[in-house]
């Protein structure tokens, strides 16, 4: 992310927050997660929260259905393979409407005392997100 670039980026649509989704692969993105920590604000029960963006990665060499999770500091992980398959239609529906990504809040777990960070998204199940996008809500 280039300093001074607005976050979330243009072309991002907020997705409904009626659920929680785990992020995987955070161990590969600890530097970006550490850089995300100072960007957090207190969320539910005072837990550190930041704005996350979901971006389809159809060219991902490991999974053509991959969905990357980004903070303003960079890529912080991916949806699990099972979740990604469910959310690809949501991101495709956004793309059909000229949008690039879906946005949601995310909790930053762990940190310096725990030696690693993790992420949980505040995100509705994929069918609810898709209905919301299709309804223009």
C-alpha atoms as a PDB file:
ATOM      1  CA  UNK A   1       0.000   0.000   0.000  1.00  0.00           C
ATOM      2  CA  UNK A   2       1.363   3.381  -0.961  1.00  0.00           C
ATOM      3  CA  UNK A   3       1.345   5.887   1.939  1.00  0.00           C
ATOM      4  CA  UNK A   4      -1.438   8.423   1.520  1.00  0.00           C
ATOM      5  CA  UNK A   5      -3.580   6.077  -0.576  1.00  0.00           C
ATOM      6  CA  UNK A   6      -7.196   6.078   0.650  1.00  0.00           C
ATOM      7  CA  UNK A   7      -8.318   2.986   2.534  1.00  0.00           C
ATOM      8  CA  UNK A   8     -10.370   1.062   1.725  1.00  0.00           C
ATOM      9  CA  UNK A   9      -9.500   1.625  -1.936  1.00  0.00           C
ATOM     10  CA  UNK A  10     -11.974   2.915  -4.508  1.00  0.00           C
ATOM     11  CA  UNK A  11     -14.095   0.136  -5.954  1.00  0.00           C
ATOM     12  CA  UNK A  12     -14.629  -1.561  -2.583  1.00  0.00           C
ATOM     13  CA  UNK A  13     -18.150  -2.302  -1.361  1.00  0.00           C
ATOM     14  CA  UNK A  14     -18.977  -2.961   2.272  1.00  0.00           C
ATOM     15  CA  UNK A  15     -20.265  -6.482   2.896  1.00  0.00           C
ATOM     16  CA  UNK A  16     -22.743  -7.335   5.674  1.00  0.00           C
ATOM     17  CA  UNK A  17     -21.192  -8.064   9.100  1.00  0.00           C
ATOM     18  CA  UNK A  18     -23.495 -10.743  10.524  1.00  0.00           C
ATOM     19  CA  UNK A  19     -20.918 -13.457  11.137  1.00  0.00           C
ATOM     20  CA  UNK A  20     -17.271 -14.317  11.630  1.00  0.00           C
ATOM     21  CA  UNK A  21     -14.792 -15.895   9.207  1.00  0.00           C
ATOM     22  CA  UNK A  22     -11.314 -17.098  10.062  1.00  0.00           C
ATOM     23  CA  UNK A  23      -8.370 -16.038   7.931  1.00  0.00           C
ATOM     24  CA  UNK A  24      -5.613 -18.538   7.108  1.00  0.00           C
ATOM     25  CA  UNK A  25      -1.977 -18.144   6.135  1.00  0.00           C
ATOM     26  CA  UNK A  26      -1.278 -15.304   8.531  1.00  0.00           C
ATOM     27  CA  UNK A  27       2.079 -16.861   9.429  1.00  0.00           C
ATOM     28  CA  UNK A  28       3.311 -15.809   5.968  1.00  0.00           C
ATOM     29  CA  UNK A  29       2.224 -12.197   6.486  1.00  0.00           C
ATOM     30  CA  UNK A  30       3.421 -11.311   9.997  1.00  0.00           C
ATOM     31  CA  UNK A  31       5.239  -8.186   8.803  1.00  0.00           C
ATOM     32  CA  UNK A  32       2.050  -6.748   7.277  1.00  0.00           C
ATOM     33  CA  UNK A  33       0.085  -7.768  10.370  1.00  0.00           C
ATOM     34  CA  UNK A  34       2.570  -6.024  12.670  1.00  0.00           C
ATOM     35  CA  UNK A  35       2.254  -2.922  10.473  1.00  0.00           C
ATOM     36  CA  UNK A  36      -1.540  -3.217  10.742  1.00  0.00           C
ATOM     37  CA  UNK A  37      -1.503  -3.158  14.564  1.00  0.00           C
ATOM     38  CA  UNK A  38      -1.005   0.632  14.877  1.00  0.00           C
ATOM     39  CA  UNK A  39      -3.852   1.187  12.396  1.00  0.00           C
ATOM     40  CA  UNK A  40      -6.370  -0.608  14.625  1.00  0.00           C
ATOM     41  CA  UNK A  41      -9.122   1.044  16.624  1.00  0.00           C
ATOM     42  CA  UNK A  42     -11.014  -0.486  19.550  1.00  0.00           C
ATOM     43  CA  UNK A  43     -13.804  -2.751  18.297  1.00  0.00           C
ATOM     44  CA  UNK A  44     -16.151  -5.168  20.063  1.00  0.00           C
ATOM     45  CA  UNK A  45     -15.136  -5.589  23.696  1.00  0.00           C
ATOM     46  CA  UNK A  46     -12.154  -3.328  23.025  1.00  0.00           C
ATOM     47  CA  UNK A  47     -10.531  -5.823  20.650  1.00  0.00           C
ATOM     48  CA  UNK A  48      -8.254  -4.267  17.998  1.00  0.00           C
ATOM     49  CA  UNK A  49     -10.180  -3.831  14.749  1.00  0.00           C
ATOM     50  CA  UNK A  50      -9.178  -2.701  11.265  1.00  0.00           C
ATOM     51  CA  UNK A  51     -10.726  -2.371   7.810  1.00  0.00           C
ATOM     52  CA  UNK A  52     -10.120  -5.429   5.639  1.00  0.00           C
ATOM     53  CA  UNK A  53     -10.593  -5.879   1.911  1.00  0.00           C
ATOM     54  CA  UNK A  54     -11.306  -9.184   0.139  1.00  0.00           C
ATOM     55  CA  UNK A  55      -9.779  -9.481  -3.332  1.00  0.00           C
ATOM     56  CA  UNK A  56     -10.118 -12.445  -5.700  1.00  0.00           C
ATOM     57  CA  UNK A  57      -6.795 -13.955  -6.816  1.00  0.00           C
ATOM     58  CA  UNK A  58      -7.711 -16.031  -9.895  1.00  0.00           C
ATOM     59  CA  UNK A  59      -4.022 -16.203 -10.885  1.00  0.00           C
ATOM     60  CA  UNK A  60      -2.953 -17.653  -7.523  1.00  0.00           C
ATOM     61  CA  UNK A  61      -0.666 -20.608  -8.376  1.00  0.00           C
ATOM     62  CA  UNK A  62      -2.011 -22.706  -5.481  1.00  0.00           C
ATOM     63  CA  UNK A  63      -5.750 -22.081  -5.814  1.00  0.00           C
ATOM     64  CA  UNK A  64      -7.609 -20.342  -8.662  1.00  0.00           C
ATOM     65  CA  UNK A  65     -10.447 -19.620  -6.203  1.00  0.00           C
ATOM     66  CA  UNK A  66      -8.127 -17.885  -3.714  1.00  0.00           C
ATOM     67  CA  UNK A  67      -9.446 -14.805  -1.930  1.00  0.00           C
ATOM     68  CA  UNK A  68      -6.769 -12.582  -0.411  1.00  0.00           C
ATOM     69  CA  UNK A  69      -7.369 -10.462   2.668  1.00  0.00           C
ATOM     70  CA  UNK A  70      -5.655  -7.068   2.776  1.00  0.00           C
ATOM     71  CA  UNK A  71      -5.290  -4.330   5.365  1.00  0.00           C
ATOM     72  CA  UNK A  72      -3.983  -0.858   4.590  1.00  0.00           C
ATOM     73  CA  UNK A  73      -0.524  -2.318   5.362  1.00  0.00           C
ATOM     74  CA  UNK A  74      -0.712  -5.127   2.769  1.00  0.00           C
ATOM     75  CA  UNK A  75      -1.827  -8.732   2.377  1.00  0.00           C
ATOM     76  CA  UNK A  76      -2.517 -10.354   5.756  1.00  0.00           C
ATOM     77  CA  UNK A  77      -3.815 -13.781   4.675  1.00  0.00           C
ATOM     78  CA  UNK A  78      -6.500 -15.607   2.694  1.00  0.00           C
ATOM     79  CA  UNK A  79      -9.892 -17.146   3.203  1.00  0.00           C
ATOM     80  CA  UNK A  80      -9.691 -20.905   3.685  1.00  0.00           C
ATOM     81  CA  UNK A  81     -10.118 -22.909   0.478  1.00  0.00           C
ATOM     82  CA  UNK A  82     -13.624 -23.928   1.574  1.00  0.00           C
ATOM     83  CA  UNK A  83     -14.673 -20.344   2.351  1.00  0.00           C
ATOM     84  CA  UNK A  84     -13.019 -18.974  -0.795  1.00  0.00           C
ATOM     85  CA  UNK A  85     -15.142 -21.214  -3.035  1.00  0.00           C
ATOM     86  CA  UNK A  86     -18.235 -19.765  -1.359  1.00  0.00           C
ATOM     87  CA  UNK A  87     -17.122 -16.114  -1.633  1.00  0.00           C
ATOM     88  CA  UNK A  88     -15.884 -16.181  -5.263  1.00  0.00           C
ATOM     89  CA  UNK A  89     -19.476 -15.635  -6.539  1.00  0.00           C
ATOM     90  CA  UNK A  90     -19.788 -12.622  -4.212  1.00  0.00           C
ATOM     91  CA  UNK A  91     -16.621 -11.065  -5.625  1.00  0.00           C
ATOM     92  CA  UNK A  92     -17.735 -11.959  -9.169  1.00  0.00           C
ATOM     93  CA  UNK A  93     -21.056 -10.176  -8.574  1.00  0.00           C
ATOM     94  CA  UNK A  94     -19.145  -7.124  -7.343  1.00  0.00           C
ATOM     95  CA  UNK A  95     -16.916  -7.234 -10.441  1.00  0.00           C
ATOM     96  CA  UNK A  96     -20.019  -7.370 -12.667  1.00  0.00           C
ATOM     97  CA  UNK A  97     -21.040  -4.091 -11.031  1.00  0.00           C
ATOM     98  CA  UNK A  98     -17.670  -2.478 -11.731  1.00  0.00           C
ATOM     99  CA  UNK A  99     -16.304  -3.015  -8.234  1.00  0.00           C
ATOM    100  CA  UNK A 100     -12.945  -4.524  -7.350  1.00  0.00           C
ATOM    101  CA  UNK A 101     -13.337  -5.829  -3.808  1.00  0.00           C
ATOM    102  CA  UNK A 102     -15.513  -6.463  -0.781  1.00  0.00           C
ATOM    103  CA  UNK A 103     -14.825  -4.717   2.503  1.00  0.00           C
ATOM    104  CA  UNK A 104     -15.457  -5.624   6.124  1.00  0.00           C
ATOM    105  CA  UNK A 105     -14.112  -5.073   9.606  1.00  0.00           C
ATOM    106  CA  UNK A 106     -11.547  -7.507  10.973  1.00  0.00           C
ATOM    107  CA  UNK A 107     -10.186  -8.313  14.406  1.00  0.00           C
ATOM    108  CA  UNK A 108      -6.443  -8.470  14.942  1.00  0.00           C
ATOM    109  CA  UNK A 109      -5.624 -11.194  17.451  1.00  0.00           C
ATOM    110  CA  UNK A 110      -2.359 -11.967  19.199  1.00  0.00           C
ATOM    111  CA  UNK A 111       0.575  -9.669  18.883  1.00  0.00           C
ATOM    112  CA  UNK A 112       3.932  -9.086  20.518  1.00  0.00           C
ATOM    113  CA  UNK A 113       3.152 -11.073  23.675  1.00  0.00           C
ATOM    114  CA  UNK A 114       1.865 -14.022  21.645  1.00  0.00           C
ATOM    115  CA  UNK A 115       4.688 -13.696  19.098  1.00  0.00           C
ATOM    116  CA  UNK A 116       2.282 -13.971  16.157  1.00  0.00           C
ATOM    117  CA  UNK A 117      -0.823 -12.243  14.871  1.00  0.00           C
ATOM    118  CA  UNK A 118      -4.055 -13.718  13.542  1.00  0.00           C
ATOM    119  CA  UNK A 119      -7.178 -12.295  11.894  1.00  0.00           C
ATOM    120  CA  UNK A 120     -10.917 -12.936  12.131  1.00  0.00           C
ATOM    121  CA  UNK A 121     -13.258 -11.183   9.707  1.00  0.00           C
ATOM    122  CA  UNK A 122     -16.597  -9.690  10.753  1.00  0.00           C
ATOM    123  CA  UNK A 123     -18.408 -11.029   7.692  1.00  0.00           C
ATOM    124  CA  UNK A 124     -21.782 -12.597   6.948  1.00  0.00           C
ATOM    125  CA  UNK A 125     -22.030 -16.031   5.321  1.00  0.00           C
ATOM    126  CA  UNK A 126     -21.421 -15.937   1.564  1.00  0.00           C
ATOM    127  CA  UNK A 127     -25.083 -16.510   0.552  1.00  0.00           C
ATOM    128  CA  UNK A 128     -26.137 -13.487   2.628  1.00  0.00           C
ATOM    129  CA  UNK A 129     -23.343 -11.371   1.129  1.00  0.00           C
ATOM    130  CA  UNK A 130     -24.361 -12.417  -2.378  1.00  0.00           C
ATOM    131  CA  UNK A 131     -28.024 -11.570  -1.773  1.00  0.00           C
ATOM    132  CA  UNK A 132     -26.979  -8.191  -0.374  1.00  0.00           C
ATOM    133  CA  UNK A 133     -24.826  -7.425  -3.432  1.00  0.00           C
ATOM    134  CA  UNK A 134     -27.517  -8.575  -5.871  1.00  0.00           C
ATOM    135  CA  UNK A 135     -30.121  -6.477  -4.056  1.00  0.00           C
ATOM    136  CA  UNK A 136     -27.849  -3.449  -4.230  1.00  0.00           C
ATOM    137  CA  UNK A 137     -28.001  -3.098  -0.427  1.00  0.00           C
END
